N, C-alpha and C. Protein backbone atom coordinates (compact mmCIF):
# COMPACT_ATOMS: atom_id res chain seq x y z
N MET A 1 -33.81 14.65 -23.52
CA MET A 1 -33.42 13.32 -23.94
C MET A 1 -34.66 12.56 -24.38
N GLU A 2 -34.71 12.23 -25.63
CA GLU A 2 -35.81 11.43 -26.15
C GLU A 2 -35.49 9.95 -26.00
N GLN A 3 -36.42 9.22 -25.40
CA GLN A 3 -36.18 7.79 -25.21
C GLN A 3 -36.25 7.01 -26.52
N ASN A 4 -36.73 7.63 -27.57
CA ASN A 4 -36.71 6.96 -28.86
C ASN A 4 -35.79 7.69 -29.83
N GLY A 5 -34.98 8.61 -29.30
CA GLY A 5 -34.05 9.36 -30.12
C GLY A 5 -32.86 8.51 -30.54
N TYR A 6 -32.15 9.01 -31.52
CA TYR A 6 -31.01 8.28 -32.09
C TYR A 6 -29.96 7.93 -31.05
N VAL A 7 -29.50 8.93 -30.29
CA VAL A 7 -28.43 8.69 -29.31
C VAL A 7 -28.90 7.70 -28.24
N TYR A 8 -30.09 7.92 -27.71
CA TYR A 8 -30.64 7.04 -26.68
C TYR A 8 -30.69 5.59 -27.19
N THR A 9 -31.26 5.41 -28.37
CA THR A 9 -31.43 4.07 -28.93
C THR A 9 -30.09 3.40 -29.21
N GLU A 10 -29.19 4.12 -29.84
CA GLU A 10 -27.88 3.54 -30.18
C GLU A 10 -27.05 3.24 -28.93
N ALA A 11 -27.04 4.17 -27.97
CA ALA A 11 -26.27 3.95 -26.74
C ALA A 11 -26.85 2.78 -25.95
N LYS A 12 -28.17 2.70 -25.90
CA LYS A 12 -28.80 1.60 -25.17
C LYS A 12 -28.46 0.26 -25.82
N GLN A 13 -28.53 0.21 -27.13
CA GLN A 13 -28.20 -1.03 -27.84
C GLN A 13 -26.74 -1.40 -27.60
N MET A 14 -25.86 -0.41 -27.64
CA MET A 14 -24.44 -0.65 -27.45
C MET A 14 -24.17 -1.24 -26.05
N ILE A 15 -24.76 -0.62 -25.04
CA ILE A 15 -24.53 -1.05 -23.66
C ILE A 15 -25.17 -2.41 -23.39
N THR A 16 -26.42 -2.58 -23.82
CA THR A 16 -27.08 -3.87 -23.56
C THR A 16 -26.40 -5.01 -24.30
N THR A 17 -25.93 -4.75 -25.49
CA THR A 17 -25.22 -5.80 -26.25
C THR A 17 -23.91 -6.16 -25.56
N TYR A 18 -23.12 -5.14 -25.22
CA TYR A 18 -21.81 -5.40 -24.62
C TYR A 18 -21.94 -6.11 -23.27
N LEU A 19 -22.91 -5.68 -22.46
CA LEU A 19 -23.07 -6.26 -21.13
C LEU A 19 -24.04 -7.45 -21.11
N ARG A 20 -24.53 -7.82 -22.28
CA ARG A 20 -25.46 -8.96 -22.42
C ARG A 20 -26.68 -8.81 -21.52
N LEU A 21 -27.32 -7.67 -21.65
CA LEU A 21 -28.52 -7.36 -20.87
C LEU A 21 -29.75 -7.46 -21.75
N LYS A 22 -30.90 -7.66 -21.10
CA LYS A 22 -32.17 -7.51 -21.80
C LYS A 22 -32.44 -6.01 -21.90
N GLU A 23 -33.16 -5.60 -22.94
CA GLU A 23 -33.42 -4.18 -23.15
C GLU A 23 -34.04 -3.51 -21.92
N ASP A 24 -34.97 -4.20 -21.24
CA ASP A 24 -35.66 -3.58 -20.12
C ASP A 24 -34.80 -3.51 -18.85
N GLU A 25 -33.62 -4.10 -18.86
CA GLU A 25 -32.74 -4.03 -17.70
C GLU A 25 -32.00 -2.70 -17.62
N LEU A 26 -31.93 -1.97 -18.72
CA LEU A 26 -31.27 -0.67 -18.74
C LEU A 26 -32.33 0.41 -18.89
N GLN A 27 -32.58 1.11 -17.80
CA GLN A 27 -33.58 2.17 -17.76
C GLN A 27 -32.88 3.53 -17.72
N PRO A 28 -33.60 4.61 -18.01
CA PRO A 28 -32.96 5.93 -18.00
C PRO A 28 -32.23 6.25 -16.69
N ASP A 29 -32.80 5.84 -15.56
CA ASP A 29 -32.19 6.14 -14.26
C ASP A 29 -31.19 5.08 -13.79
N SER A 30 -30.90 4.10 -14.62
CA SER A 30 -29.97 3.04 -14.23
C SER A 30 -28.55 3.58 -14.12
N HIS A 31 -27.89 3.21 -13.03
CA HIS A 31 -26.47 3.52 -12.85
C HIS A 31 -25.70 2.35 -13.46
N ILE A 32 -24.82 2.65 -14.38
CA ILE A 32 -24.17 1.61 -15.17
C ILE A 32 -23.32 0.67 -14.31
N VAL A 33 -22.78 1.16 -13.21
CA VAL A 33 -21.99 0.31 -12.32
C VAL A 33 -22.87 -0.27 -11.22
N ASP A 34 -23.53 0.60 -10.46
CA ASP A 34 -24.28 0.15 -9.28
C ASP A 34 -25.50 -0.71 -9.62
N ASP A 35 -26.25 -0.33 -10.65
CA ASP A 35 -27.47 -1.06 -10.99
C ASP A 35 -27.25 -2.17 -12.02
N ILE A 36 -26.35 -1.93 -12.95
CA ILE A 36 -26.15 -2.86 -14.06
C ILE A 36 -24.97 -3.80 -13.80
N GLY A 37 -24.01 -3.36 -13.02
CA GLY A 37 -22.90 -4.23 -12.65
C GLY A 37 -21.70 -4.18 -13.57
N ALA A 38 -21.56 -3.12 -14.35
CA ALA A 38 -20.38 -3.00 -15.23
C ALA A 38 -19.13 -2.81 -14.37
N ASP A 39 -18.05 -3.48 -14.75
CA ASP A 39 -16.78 -3.30 -14.04
C ASP A 39 -15.93 -2.27 -14.77
N SER A 40 -14.74 -2.02 -14.25
CA SER A 40 -13.88 -0.98 -14.83
C SER A 40 -13.46 -1.30 -16.26
N LEU A 41 -13.22 -2.55 -16.56
CA LEU A 41 -12.86 -2.93 -17.92
C LEU A 41 -14.02 -2.66 -18.88
N ALA A 42 -15.22 -2.98 -18.45
CA ALA A 42 -16.41 -2.72 -19.27
C ALA A 42 -16.57 -1.22 -19.50
N LEU A 43 -16.32 -0.41 -18.48
CA LEU A 43 -16.43 1.04 -18.63
C LEU A 43 -15.43 1.57 -19.65
N VAL A 44 -14.22 1.05 -19.61
CA VAL A 44 -13.20 1.48 -20.58
C VAL A 44 -13.63 1.10 -21.99
N GLU A 45 -14.07 -0.13 -22.17
CA GLU A 45 -14.48 -0.60 -23.50
C GLU A 45 -15.70 0.17 -24.00
N LEU A 46 -16.68 0.36 -23.14
CA LEU A 46 -17.87 1.11 -23.54
C LEU A 46 -17.52 2.56 -23.86
N GLY A 47 -16.62 3.15 -23.07
CA GLY A 47 -16.17 4.51 -23.35
C GLY A 47 -15.52 4.61 -24.72
N PHE A 48 -14.72 3.61 -25.06
CA PHE A 48 -14.07 3.58 -26.37
C PHE A 48 -15.11 3.44 -27.48
N GLN A 49 -16.07 2.54 -27.30
CA GLN A 49 -17.11 2.34 -28.31
C GLN A 49 -17.95 3.60 -28.50
N ILE A 50 -18.31 4.24 -27.41
CA ILE A 50 -19.11 5.47 -27.48
C ILE A 50 -18.33 6.57 -28.18
N SER A 51 -17.07 6.68 -27.84
CA SER A 51 -16.21 7.68 -28.47
C SER A 51 -16.12 7.44 -29.98
N GLU A 52 -15.94 6.20 -30.37
CA GLU A 52 -15.87 5.85 -31.80
C GLU A 52 -17.18 6.12 -32.52
N LYS A 53 -18.28 5.74 -31.90
CA LYS A 53 -19.60 5.85 -32.54
C LYS A 53 -20.06 7.30 -32.67
N PHE A 54 -19.89 8.08 -31.60
CA PHE A 54 -20.47 9.42 -31.56
C PHE A 54 -19.43 10.54 -31.67
N GLY A 55 -18.16 10.19 -31.66
CA GLY A 55 -17.12 11.22 -31.72
C GLY A 55 -17.04 12.05 -30.46
N VAL A 56 -17.36 11.43 -29.34
CA VAL A 56 -17.41 12.11 -28.05
C VAL A 56 -16.33 11.55 -27.15
N PRO A 57 -15.43 12.39 -26.65
CA PRO A 57 -14.43 11.86 -25.72
C PRO A 57 -15.07 11.54 -24.37
N ILE A 58 -14.85 10.35 -23.90
CA ILE A 58 -15.37 9.96 -22.59
C ILE A 58 -14.17 9.90 -21.64
N VAL A 59 -13.90 11.02 -21.02
CA VAL A 59 -12.79 11.08 -20.07
C VAL A 59 -13.29 11.25 -18.65
N ASP A 60 -14.51 11.72 -18.51
CA ASP A 60 -15.09 11.97 -17.20
C ASP A 60 -16.03 10.82 -16.85
N THR A 61 -15.62 10.02 -15.90
CA THR A 61 -16.49 8.93 -15.46
C THR A 61 -17.00 9.20 -14.05
N SER A 62 -17.28 10.48 -13.78
CA SER A 62 -17.82 10.83 -12.48
C SER A 62 -19.16 10.12 -12.29
N ASP A 63 -19.54 9.97 -11.06
CA ASP A 63 -20.70 9.16 -10.70
C ASP A 63 -21.96 9.57 -11.46
N ASP A 64 -22.19 10.88 -11.63
CA ASP A 64 -23.42 11.31 -12.30
C ASP A 64 -23.43 10.96 -13.79
N LYS A 65 -22.26 10.87 -14.42
CA LYS A 65 -22.19 10.51 -15.84
C LYS A 65 -22.43 9.01 -16.05
N LEU A 66 -22.38 8.24 -14.99
CA LEU A 66 -22.61 6.80 -15.10
C LEU A 66 -24.09 6.44 -15.00
N ILE A 67 -24.94 7.44 -14.83
CA ILE A 67 -26.38 7.22 -14.91
C ILE A 67 -26.74 7.33 -16.39
N PHE A 68 -27.44 6.34 -16.91
CA PHE A 68 -27.64 6.23 -18.35
C PHE A 68 -28.19 7.51 -18.98
N LYS A 69 -29.24 8.10 -18.39
CA LYS A 69 -29.83 9.30 -19.00
C LYS A 69 -28.84 10.46 -19.00
N ASN A 70 -27.97 10.55 -18.01
CA ASN A 70 -26.96 11.61 -17.98
C ASN A 70 -25.89 11.38 -19.03
N LEU A 71 -25.55 10.13 -19.26
CA LEU A 71 -24.59 9.80 -20.31
C LEU A 71 -25.15 10.20 -21.67
N VAL A 72 -26.42 9.87 -21.91
CA VAL A 72 -27.06 10.23 -23.18
C VAL A 72 -27.10 11.74 -23.34
N ALA A 73 -27.46 12.46 -22.28
CA ALA A 73 -27.50 13.93 -22.34
C ALA A 73 -26.11 14.50 -22.64
N TYR A 74 -25.07 13.93 -22.04
CA TYR A 74 -23.70 14.38 -22.29
C TYR A 74 -23.33 14.18 -23.76
N ILE A 75 -23.66 13.02 -24.31
CA ILE A 75 -23.35 12.74 -25.72
C ILE A 75 -24.09 13.71 -26.62
N GLU A 76 -25.39 13.91 -26.36
CA GLU A 76 -26.20 14.82 -27.18
C GLU A 76 -25.65 16.24 -27.13
N GLN A 77 -25.29 16.70 -25.93
CA GLN A 77 -24.76 18.05 -25.78
C GLN A 77 -23.45 18.20 -26.56
N HIS A 78 -22.58 17.23 -26.43
CA HIS A 78 -21.29 17.29 -27.13
C HIS A 78 -21.49 17.28 -28.64
N MET A 79 -22.42 16.48 -29.12
CA MET A 79 -22.69 16.42 -30.56
C MET A 79 -23.25 17.75 -31.07
N GLN A 80 -24.10 18.39 -30.27
CA GLN A 80 -24.65 19.70 -30.65
C GLN A 80 -23.55 20.75 -30.71
N GLU A 81 -22.64 20.71 -29.74
CA GLU A 81 -21.53 21.67 -29.73
C GLU A 81 -20.62 21.45 -30.94
N GLN A 82 -20.39 20.19 -31.30
CA GLN A 82 -19.57 19.88 -32.46
C GLN A 82 -20.23 20.37 -33.75
N ALA A 83 -21.56 20.26 -33.82
CA ALA A 83 -22.29 20.68 -35.01
C ALA A 83 -22.22 22.19 -35.20
N LYS A 84 -22.12 22.94 -34.11
CA LYS A 84 -22.04 24.40 -34.18
C LYS A 84 -20.66 24.87 -34.62
N SER A 85 -19.66 24.04 -34.41
CA SER A 85 -18.27 24.43 -34.73
C SER A 85 -18.00 24.39 -36.21
């Protein structure tokens, strides 16, 4: 996961904009619920936005996927798999 990569940058902008955060409030190890304070409605909306932007279905909201760097890795992996198809 590149911290200046396309997915990282776009996902960070999407999350910080939606949750009205400063850029430095969302770090790679940030848990989107526990550290950032997103509620269930925010998770649904962000999942929809991510799905629309990257073409990635967000159906698994297990605890590890709610850590920002893991979410980015999931999106990148899914996009790579789609590119191979």
